[in-house]
Amino acid sequence: MRAVYTVILFIIGLFMGSFYNVVGYRLPNKMSLIKPNSHCTNCKKELKWYHLIPVFSYLFLGGKCAYCKSKIGIIHPLVELITGILFAISYYSFGFTWSFGIALIISSLFAIIIVSDLNYLVIPDEILAVAGSLIVVFNFFNLGFIGVLKSIGCGLIMFIVMFLIMKLGNKIFKKESLGGGDIKLMLVLGMTLSLAMNIFSIFIASCIALPISIIILLKNKDNIIPFGPFLVAGNLLVMFLKLDILDIIKMF
C-alpha cells in the first residue's frame, strides 16, 4: 500500500502544482485566485479542462497555447512535476503523520515561491501567513504547547539571524543583499527545524545558490538572484534527510 499511496500523492501533487502556478502568478499581480478562470495570459482566451492536465497538456500542446500558439514557460510543468515529486517524498519519508503535513506545507510554499520569486522577486505575505499558521497548528498537535512555543521562538531567532545577515550583506555589497520576503520566510521555515539545523539549512541554501548565481551573473551582471527558493530547498533537504546536529558533527 505504501507504493500506492506514494503514487496517489504524486498525482495529487501534480494537480496542486498546477494550482500553485496560478497562486504564484496572481498574488504578486494583485489578482483574484477565483476569477477569472484559467486563461492564456497572452490572448486571454479561457482554457478548456483538457488544457489544464498537469505536465501532459504542456507536452501535447508542444509548450504552446492551444489558441494563439504563444510559448508557455517551461516553469509551469516543472513546478507541477516538482510538487508531485515533493508530495510523494513527503509521504514516503514520514507516512501519515504530523511531520508529513508540515512537509506538504513547505513543499507547497516552495512551489509557489519558485513562481513568484523567480518571476516577480516577491514572496507573498498571504502565503507566508497561511503557511506559518498551519505550521503552528500542526506543531501544537505534534509537539504540544511547550513544543510549539519553542518552535515559534526558533522561528523568531531565525528571523533575527536573517535580518542581521541582510544588514551585513548590505554593508559589504553596498546594495540590497536580501529582500524583506526572505527574512519573513525564514521566520516560517524556522518553526520546522531545530536552531542548529536551521543554521545548517541556510548553509546548504547558500551552497546551492552560489554556483547558480555565478553562472547567471556571468551572463548578465544586472540580474538579481532571488534567494527564497534556495532557502526552502535547504530546509526541505534537511527535513527529508532527517539530519540532526550529531549527523553534522560526524560529517566533519
C-alpha atoms as a PDB file:
ATOM      1  CA  MET A   1       0.000   0.000   0.000  1.00  0.00           C
ATOM      2  CA  ARG A   2       2.917   2.346   0.618  1.00  0.00           C
ATOM      3  CA  ALA A   3       3.774   2.360  -3.086  1.00  0.00           C
ATOM      4  CA  VAL A   4       0.126   3.013  -3.984  1.00  0.00           C
ATOM      5  CA  TYR A   5      -0.122   5.941  -1.592  1.00  0.00           C
ATOM      6  CA  THR A   6       3.151   7.341  -2.915  1.00  0.00           C
ATOM      7  CA  VAL A   7       1.776   7.304  -6.473  1.00  0.00           C
ATOM      8  CA  ILE A   8      -1.512   8.854  -5.325  1.00  0.00           C
ATOM      9  CA  LEU A   9       0.360  11.650  -3.518  1.00  0.00           C
ATOM     10  CA  PHE A  10       2.451  12.224  -6.647  1.00  0.00           C
ATOM     11  CA  ILE A  11      -0.693  12.661  -8.761  1.00  0.00           C
ATOM     12  CA  ILE A  12      -2.285  14.953  -6.166  1.00  0.00           C
ATOM     13  CA  GLY A  13       0.942  16.951  -6.136  1.00  0.00           C
ATOM     14  CA  LEU A  14       0.825  17.386  -9.905  1.00  0.00           C
ATOM     15  CA  PHE A  15      -2.637  18.969  -9.723  1.00  0.00           C
ATOM     16  CA  MET A  16      -1.736  21.060  -6.690  1.00  0.00           C
ATOM     17  CA  GLY A  17       1.345  22.252  -8.573  1.00  0.00           C
ATOM     18  CA  SER A  18      -0.945  23.474 -11.351  1.00  0.00           C
ATOM     19  CA  PHE A  19      -2.894  25.486  -8.766  1.00  0.00           C
ATOM     20  CA  TYR A  20       0.299  26.811  -7.185  1.00  0.00           C
ATOM     21  CA  ASN A  21       1.358  28.124 -10.591  1.00  0.00           C
ATOM     22  CA  VAL A  22      -1.811  30.223 -10.566  1.00  0.00           C
ATOM     23  CA  VAL A  23      -1.217  31.396  -6.991  1.00  0.00           C
ATOM     24  CA  GLY A  24       2.400  32.321  -7.717  1.00  0.00           C
ATOM     25  CA  TYR A  25       1.309  34.330 -10.753  1.00  0.00           C
ATOM     26  CA  ARG A  26      -1.842  36.012  -9.458  1.00  0.00           C
ATOM     27  CA  LEU A  27      -0.927  37.118  -5.941  1.00  0.00           C
ATOM     28  CA  PRO A  28       2.088  39.251  -6.988  1.00  0.00           C
ATOM     29  CA  ASN A  29      -0.120  40.790  -9.684  1.00  0.00           C
ATOM     30  CA  LYS A  30      -2.902  41.567  -7.171  1.00  0.00           C
ATOM     31  CA  MET A  31      -5.372  39.301  -8.957  1.00  0.00           C
ATOM     32  CA  SER A  32      -8.157  37.157  -7.528  1.00  0.00           C
ATOM     33  CA  LEU A  33      -7.413  33.461  -7.139  1.00  0.00           C
ATOM     34  CA  ILE A  34     -11.004  32.657  -8.150  1.00  0.00           C
ATOM     35  CA  LYS A  35     -11.798  34.886 -11.113  1.00  0.00           C
ATOM     36  CA  PRO A  36     -11.242  34.918 -13.996  1.00  0.00           C
ATOM     37  CA  ASN A  37     -10.995  31.226 -14.853  1.00  0.00           C
ATOM     38  CA  SER A  38      -7.692  29.856 -16.108  1.00  0.00           C
ATOM     39  CA  HIS A  39      -6.774  31.583 -19.344  1.00  0.00           C
ATOM     40  CA  CYS A  40      -3.871  32.309 -21.669  1.00  0.00           C
ATOM     41  CA  THR A  41      -2.022  35.370 -20.385  1.00  0.00           C
ATOM     42  CA  ASN A  42      -1.318  36.398 -23.989  1.00  0.00           C
ATOM     43  CA  CYS A  43      -4.620  36.040 -25.878  1.00  0.00           C
ATOM     44  CA  LYS A  44      -6.813  35.977 -22.724  1.00  0.00           C
ATOM     45  CA  LYS A  45      -8.920  33.067 -24.013  1.00  0.00           C
ATOM     46  CA  GLU A  46     -10.297  30.744 -21.351  1.00  0.00           C
ATOM     47  CA  LEU A  47      -8.646  27.337 -21.303  1.00  0.00           C
ATOM     48  CA  LYS A  48     -10.563  24.083 -21.611  1.00  0.00           C
ATOM     49  CA  TRP A  49     -10.286  21.438 -18.893  1.00  0.00           C
ATOM     50  CA  TYR A  50      -8.092  19.260 -21.098  1.00  0.00           C
ATOM     51  CA  HIS A  51      -5.657  22.168 -21.452  1.00  0.00           C
ATOM     52  CA  LEU A  52      -5.092  22.045 -17.706  1.00  0.00           C
ATOM     53  CA  ILE A  53      -3.931  18.468 -17.207  1.00  0.00           C
ATOM     54  CA  PRO A  54      -0.612  18.862 -15.360  1.00  0.00           C
ATOM     55  CA  VAL A  55       2.555  18.263 -17.420  1.00  0.00           C
ATOM     56  CA  PHE A  56       0.739  16.218 -20.094  1.00  0.00           C
ATOM     57  CA  SER A  57      -1.148  19.196 -21.552  1.00  0.00           C
ATOM     58  CA  TYR A  58       2.128  21.059 -21.908  1.00  0.00           C
ATOM     59  CA  LEU A  59       3.660  18.116 -23.772  1.00  0.00           C
ATOM     60  CA  PHE A  60       0.629  17.514 -26.012  1.00  0.00           C
ATOM     61  CA  LEU A  61       0.421  21.202 -26.918  1.00  0.00           C
ATOM     62  CA  GLY A  62       4.128  21.376 -27.638  1.00  0.00           C
ATOM     63  CA  GLY A  63       4.618  24.033 -24.984  1.00  0.00           C
ATOM     64  CA  LYS A  64       2.313  26.482 -26.793  1.00  0.00           C
ATOM     65  CA  CYS A  65      -1.129  27.988 -26.224  1.00  0.00           C
ATOM     66  CA  ALA A  66      -3.843  25.990 -27.980  1.00  0.00           C
ATOM     67  CA  TYR A  67      -5.289  29.224 -29.426  1.00  0.00           C
ATOM     68  CA  CYS A  68      -2.629  31.852 -30.136  1.00  0.00           C
ATOM     69  CA  LYS A  69       0.353  29.470 -30.177  1.00  0.00           C
ATOM     70  CA  SER A  70       2.375  31.701 -27.857  1.00  0.00           C
ATOM     71  CA  LYS A  71       5.017  29.849 -25.872  1.00  0.00           C
ATOM     72  CA  ILE A  72       4.178  28.577 -22.399  1.00  0.00           C
ATOM     73  CA  GLY A  73       7.053  28.968 -19.949  1.00  0.00           C
ATOM     74  CA  ILE A  74       8.804  25.719 -19.028  1.00  0.00           C
ATOM     75  CA  ILE A  75       8.497  26.769 -15.387  1.00  0.00           C
ATOM     76  CA  HIS A  76       4.810  25.736 -15.362  1.00  0.00           C
ATOM     77  CA  PRO A  77       5.244  21.989 -15.994  1.00  0.00           C
ATOM     78  CA  LEU A  78       8.421  21.992 -13.907  1.00  0.00           C
ATOM     79  CA  VAL A  79       6.558  23.374 -10.875  1.00  0.00           C
ATOM     80  CA  GLU A  80       3.839  20.753 -11.365  1.00  0.00           C
ATOM     81  CA  LEU A  81       6.413  17.968 -11.584  1.00  0.00           C
ATOM     82  CA  ILE A  82       8.439  19.253  -8.630  1.00  0.00           C
ATOM     83  CA  THR A  83       5.310  19.497  -6.482  1.00  0.00           C
ATOM     84  CA  GLY A  84       4.297  15.958  -7.392  1.00  0.00           C
ATOM     85  CA  ILE A  85       7.742  14.627  -6.518  1.00  0.00           C
ATOM     86  CA  LEU A  86       7.874  16.531  -3.217  1.00  0.00           C
ATOM     87  CA  PHE A  87       4.400  15.329  -2.188  1.00  0.00           C
ATOM     88  CA  ALA A  88       5.446  11.744  -2.914  1.00  0.00           C
ATOM     89  CA  ILE A  89       8.718  12.121  -0.993  1.00  0.00           C
ATOM     90  CA  SER A  90       6.839  13.699   1.923  1.00  0.00           C
ATOM     91  CA  TYR A  91       4.641  10.649   2.285  1.00  0.00           C
ATOM     92  CA  TYR A  92       7.478   8.201   1.668  1.00  0.00           C
ATOM     93  CA  SER A  93       9.615   9.894   4.334  1.00  0.00           C
ATOM     94  CA  PHE A  94       7.036  10.486   7.072  1.00  0.00           C
ATOM     95  CA  GLY A  95       3.916   8.429   6.331  1.00  0.00           C
ATOM     96  CA  PHE A  96       0.611   9.888   7.501  1.00  0.00           C
ATOM     97  CA  THR A  97       1.990  11.849  10.458  1.00  0.00           C
ATOM     98  CA  TRP A  98       2.024  15.478  11.564  1.00  0.00           C
ATOM     99  CA  SER A  99       5.531  15.747  10.101  1.00  0.00           C
ATOM    100  CA  PHE A 100       4.056  14.680   6.761  1.00  0.00           C
ATOM    101  CA  GLY A 101       1.611  17.589   6.987  1.00  0.00           C
ATOM    102  CA  ILE A 102       4.406  20.068   7.673  1.00  0.00           C
ATOM    103  CA  ALA A 103       6.419  18.638   4.765  1.00  0.00           C
ATOM    104  CA  LEU A 104       3.422  19.212   2.473  1.00  0.00           C
ATOM    105  CA  ILE A 105       3.126  22.809   3.697  1.00  0.00           C
ATOM    106  CA  ILE A 106       6.792  23.561   3.000  1.00  0.00           C
ATOM    107  CA  SER A 107       6.633  21.737  -0.358  1.00  0.00           C
ATOM    108  CA  SER A 108       3.629  23.868  -1.327  1.00  0.00           C
ATOM    109  CA  LEU A 109       5.418  27.004  -0.187  1.00  0.00           C
ATOM    110  CA  PHE A 110       8.393  26.013  -2.332  1.00  0.00           C
ATOM    111  CA  ALA A 111       6.250  25.591  -5.446  1.00  0.00           C
ATOM    112  CA  ILE A 112       4.551  28.977  -5.055  1.00  0.00           C
ATOM    113  CA  ILE A 113       7.777  30.811  -4.269  1.00  0.00           C
ATOM    114  CA  ILE A 114       9.503  29.351  -7.330  1.00  0.00           C
ATOM    115  CA  VAL A 115       6.887  31.096  -9.485  1.00  0.00           C
ATOM    116  CA  SER A 116       6.523  34.349  -7.549  1.00  0.00           C
ATOM    117  CA  ASP A 117      10.149  34.948  -6.557  1.00  0.00           C
ATOM    118  CA  LEU A 118      11.761  33.924  -9.837  1.00  0.00           C
ATOM    119  CA  ASN A 119       9.313  35.918 -11.948  1.00  0.00           C
ATOM    120  CA  TYR A 120       8.488  38.908  -9.744  1.00  0.00           C
ATOM    121  CA  LEU A 121      11.026  38.864  -6.881  1.00  0.00           C
ATOM    122  CA  VAL A 122       8.076  38.685  -4.499  1.00  0.00           C
ATOM    123  CA  ILE A 123       7.225  36.265  -1.692  1.00  0.00           C
ATOM    124  CA  PRO A 124       3.542  36.992  -0.974  1.00  0.00           C
ATOM    125  CA  ASP A 125       2.755  37.797   2.662  1.00  0.00           C
ATOM    126  CA  GLU A 126      -0.558  35.964   2.331  1.00  0.00           C
ATOM    127  CA  ILE A 127       1.219  32.683   1.593  1.00  0.00           C
ATOM    128  CA  LEU A 128       3.645  33.127   4.467  1.00  0.00           C
ATOM    129  CA  ALA A 129       0.765  33.901   6.845  1.00  0.00           C
ATOM    130  CA  VAL A 130      -1.193  30.800   5.807  1.00  0.00           C
ATOM    131  CA  ALA A 131       1.858  28.518   5.887  1.00  0.00           C
ATOM    132  CA  GLY A 132       3.009  29.897   9.241  1.00  0.00           C
ATOM    133  CA  SER A 133      -0.427  29.490  10.818  1.00  0.00           C
ATOM    134  CA  LEU A 134      -0.750  25.907   9.602  1.00  0.00           C
ATOM    135  CA  ILE A 135       2.714  25.034  10.886  1.00  0.00           C
ATOM    136  CA  VAL A 136       1.818  26.401  14.343  1.00  0.00           C
ATOM    137  CA  VAL A 137      -1.333  24.251  14.389  1.00  0.00           C
ATOM    138  CA  PHE A 138       0.473  21.117  13.239  1.00  0.00           C
ATOM    139  CA  ASN A 139       3.295  21.689  15.722  1.00  0.00           C
ATOM    140  CA  PHE A 140       0.764  22.114  18.519  1.00  0.00           C
ATOM    141  CA  PHE A 141      -0.772  18.695  17.853  1.00  0.00           C
ATOM    142  CA  ASN A 142       2.620  17.104  17.238  1.00  0.00           C
ATOM    143  CA  LEU A 143       4.747  18.740  19.954  1.00  0.00           C
ATOM    144  CA  GLY A 144       2.266  20.091  22.478  1.00  0.00           C
ATOM    145  CA  PHE A 145       2.009  23.587  23.956  1.00  0.00           C
ATOM    146  CA  ILE A 146       5.620  23.863  25.155  1.00  0.00           C
ATOM    147  CA  GLY A 147       6.896  22.384  21.915  1.00  0.00           C
ATOM    148  CA  VAL A 148       5.010  24.861  19.768  1.00  0.00           C
ATOM    149  CA  LEU A 149       6.301  27.763  21.879  1.00  0.00           C
ATOM    150  CA  LYS A 150       9.852  26.521  21.330  1.00  0.00           C
ATOM    151  CA  SER A 151       9.262  26.254  17.579  1.00  0.00           C
ATOM    152  CA  ILE A 152       7.898  29.820  17.449  1.00  0.00           C
ATOM    153  CA  GLY A 153      10.909  31.005  19.442  1.00  0.00           C
ATOM    154  CA  CYS A 154      13.191  29.251  16.988  1.00  0.00           C
ATOM    155  CA  GLY A 155      11.413  30.960  14.104  1.00  0.00           C
ATOM    156  CA  LEU A 156      11.839  34.370  15.754  1.00  0.00           C
ATOM    157  CA  ILE A 157      15.557  33.735  16.296  1.00  0.00           C
ATOM    158  CA  MET A 158      15.966  32.796  12.631  1.00  0.00           C
ATOM    159  CA  PHE A 159      14.101  35.965  11.667  1.00  0.00           C
ATOM    160  CA  ILE A 160      16.688  37.975  13.631  1.00  0.00           C
ATOM    161  CA  VAL A 161      19.570  35.948  12.162  1.00  0.00           C
ATOM    162  CA  MET A 162      18.383  36.640   8.594  1.00  0.00           C
ATOM    163  CA  PHE A 163      17.890  40.323   9.431  1.00  0.00           C
ATOM    164  CA  LEU A 164      21.487  40.546  10.654  1.00  0.00           C
ATOM    165  CA  ILE A 165      22.725  38.673   7.571  1.00  0.00           C
ATOM    166  CA  MET A 166      20.848  41.189   5.408  1.00  0.00           C
ATOM    167  CA  LYS A 167      22.402  44.147   7.246  1.00  0.00           C
ATOM    168  CA  LEU A 168      25.874  42.657   6.912  1.00  0.00           C
ATOM    169  CA  GLY A 169      25.327  41.862   3.232  1.00  0.00           C
ATOM    170  CA  ASN A 170      24.045  45.382   2.529  1.00  0.00           C
ATOM    171  CA  LYS A 171      27.154  46.832   4.147  1.00  0.00           C
ATOM    172  CA  ILE A 172      29.555  44.557   2.271  1.00  0.00           C
ATOM    173  CA  PHE A 173      27.959  44.801  -1.186  1.00  0.00           C
ATOM    174  CA  LYS A 174      26.746  48.414  -0.826  1.00  0.00           C
ATOM    175  CA  LYS A 175      23.293  47.404  -2.044  1.00  0.00           C
ATOM    176  CA  GLU A 176      20.292  45.342  -1.004  1.00  0.00           C
ATOM    177  CA  SER A 177      21.544  41.784  -0.487  1.00  0.00           C
ATOM    178  CA  LEU A 178      18.313  40.178   0.758  1.00  0.00           C
ATOM    179  CA  GLY A 179      14.668  41.118   0.425  1.00  0.00           C
ATOM    180  CA  GLY A 180      12.232  41.515   3.280  1.00  0.00           C
ATOM    181  CA  GLY A 181      10.384  38.475   1.993  1.00  0.00           C
ATOM    182  CA  ASP A 182      13.440  36.276   2.612  1.00  0.00           C
ATOM    183  CA  ILE A 183      13.582  37.406   6.233  1.00  0.00           C
ATOM    184  CA  LYS A 184       9.881  36.727   6.817  1.00  0.00           C
ATOM    185  CA  LEU A 185      10.230  33.404   5.003  1.00  0.00           C
ATOM    186  CA  MET A 186      12.921  32.334   7.469  1.00  0.00           C
ATOM    187  CA  LEU A 187      10.526  33.053  10.333  1.00  0.00           C
ATOM    188  CA  VAL A 188       8.167  30.441   8.870  1.00  0.00           C
ATOM    189  CA  LEU A 189      10.876  27.941   7.979  1.00  0.00           C
ATOM    190  CA  GLY A 190      12.483  28.405  11.374  1.00  0.00           C
ATOM    191  CA  MET A 191       9.478  26.815  13.055  1.00  0.00           C
ATOM    192  CA  THR A 192      10.053  23.479  11.304  1.00  0.00           C
ATOM    193  CA  LEU A 193      13.622  22.640  12.386  1.00  0.00           C
ATOM    194  CA  SER A 194      15.871  22.939  15.408  1.00  0.00           C
ATOM    195  CA  LEU A 195      18.035  26.051  15.715  1.00  0.00           C
ATOM    196  CA  ALA A 196      21.199  24.196  14.677  1.00  0.00           C
ATOM    197  CA  MET A 197      19.505  22.602  11.686  1.00  0.00           C
ATOM    198  CA  ASN A 198      18.041  25.944  10.614  1.00  0.00           C
ATOM    199  CA  ILE A 199      21.538  27.436  10.533  1.00  0.00           C
ATOM    200  CA  PHE A 200      22.758  24.411   8.592  1.00  0.00           C
ATOM    201  CA  SER A 201      19.842  24.739   6.134  1.00  0.00           C
ATOM    202  CA  ILE A 202      20.943  28.320   5.374  1.00  0.00           C
ATOM    203  CA  PHE A 203      24.458  26.994   4.726  1.00  0.00           C
ATOM    204  CA  ILE A 204      23.045  24.378   2.327  1.00  0.00           C
ATOM    205  CA  ALA A 205      20.897  27.020   0.617  1.00  0.00           C
ATOM    206  CA  SER A 206      23.987  29.189   0.102  1.00  0.00           C
ATOM    207  CA  CYS A 207      25.964  26.263  -1.310  1.00  0.00           C
ATOM    208  CA  ILE A 208      23.180  25.528  -3.810  1.00  0.00           C
ATOM    209  CA  ALA A 209      22.709  29.173  -4.732  1.00  0.00           C
ATOM    210  CA  LEU A 210      26.392  30.100  -5.173  1.00  0.00           C
ATOM    211  CA  PRO A 211      27.240  28.218  -8.407  1.00  0.00           C
ATOM    212  CA  ILE A 212      23.864  29.048  -9.953  1.00  0.00           C
ATOM    213  CA  SER A 213      24.287  32.729  -9.058  1.00  0.00           C
ATOM    214  CA  ILE A 214      27.783  32.841 -10.553  1.00  0.00           C
ATOM    215  CA  ILE A 215      26.539  31.385 -13.845  1.00  0.00           C
ATOM    216  CA  ILE A 216      23.634  33.840 -14.027  1.00  0.00           C
ATOM    217  CA  LEU A 217      25.754  36.858 -13.105  1.00  0.00           C
ATOM    218  CA  LEU A 218      28.385  35.940 -15.697  1.00  0.00           C
ATOM    219  CA  LYS A 219      25.662  36.072 -18.345  1.00  0.00           C
ATOM    220  CA  ASN A 220      24.041  39.240 -17.035  1.00  0.00           C
ATOM    221  CA  LYS A 221      25.632  41.253 -14.216  1.00  0.00           C
ATOM    222  CA  ASP A 222      22.430  43.230 -13.692  1.00  0.00           C
ATOM    223  CA  ASN A 223      20.370  40.170 -12.739  1.00  0.00           C
ATOM    224  CA  ILE A 224      19.047  39.938  -9.195  1.00  0.00           C
ATOM    225  CA  ILE A 225      19.182  36.417  -7.761  1.00  0.00           C
ATOM    226  CA  PRO A 226      16.131  35.503  -5.643  1.00  0.00           C
ATOM    227  CA  PHE A 227      17.228  33.614  -2.529  1.00  0.00           C
ATOM    228  CA  GLY A 228      13.788  32.436  -1.371  1.00  0.00           C
ATOM    229  CA  PRO A 229      13.621  29.186  -3.388  1.00  0.00           C
ATOM    230  CA  PHE A 230      17.106  28.209  -2.179  1.00  0.00           C
ATOM    231  CA  LEU A 231      16.153  28.797   1.460  1.00  0.00           C
ATOM    232  CA  VAL A 232      13.169  26.476   1.119  1.00  0.00           C
ATOM    233  CA  ALA A 233      15.226  23.899  -0.802  1.00  0.00           C
ATOM    234  CA  GLY A 234      17.784  23.834   2.021  1.00  0.00           C
ATOM    235  CA  ASN A 235      15.017  23.396   4.582  1.00  0.00           C
ATOM    236  CA  LEU A 236      13.412  20.537   2.656  1.00  0.00           C
ATOM    237  CA  LEU A 237      16.731  18.766   2.181  1.00  0.00           C
ATOM    238  CA  VAL A 238      17.439  18.802   5.925  1.00  0.00           C
ATOM    239  CA  MET A 239      13.856  17.747   6.644  1.00  0.00           C
ATOM    240  CA  PHE A 240      13.774  14.816   4.226  1.00  0.00           C
ATOM    241  CA  LEU A 241      17.231  13.575   5.222  1.00  0.00           C
ATOM    242  CA  LYS A 242      16.176  13.860   8.900  1.00  0.00           C
ATOM    243  CA  LEU A 243      19.523  15.358   9.837  1.00  0.00           C
ATOM    244  CA  ASP A 244      20.428  16.424  13.367  1.00  0.00           C
ATOM    245  CA  ILE A 245      23.424  18.101  14.952  1.00  0.00           C
ATOM    246  CA  LEU A 246      25.174  14.758  15.596  1.00  0.00           C
ATOM    247  CA  ASP A 247      24.969  13.910  11.883  1.00  0.00           C
ATOM    248  CA  ILE A 248      26.585  17.241  11.037  1.00  0.00           C
ATOM    249  CA  ILE A 249      29.392  16.728  13.564  1.00  0.00           C
ATOM    250  CA  LYS A 250      30.126  13.287  12.080  1.00  0.00           C
ATOM    251  CA  MET A 251      30.454  14.854   8.617  1.00  0.00           C
ATOM    252  CA  PHE A 252      33.417  16.855   9.830  1.00  0.00           C
END
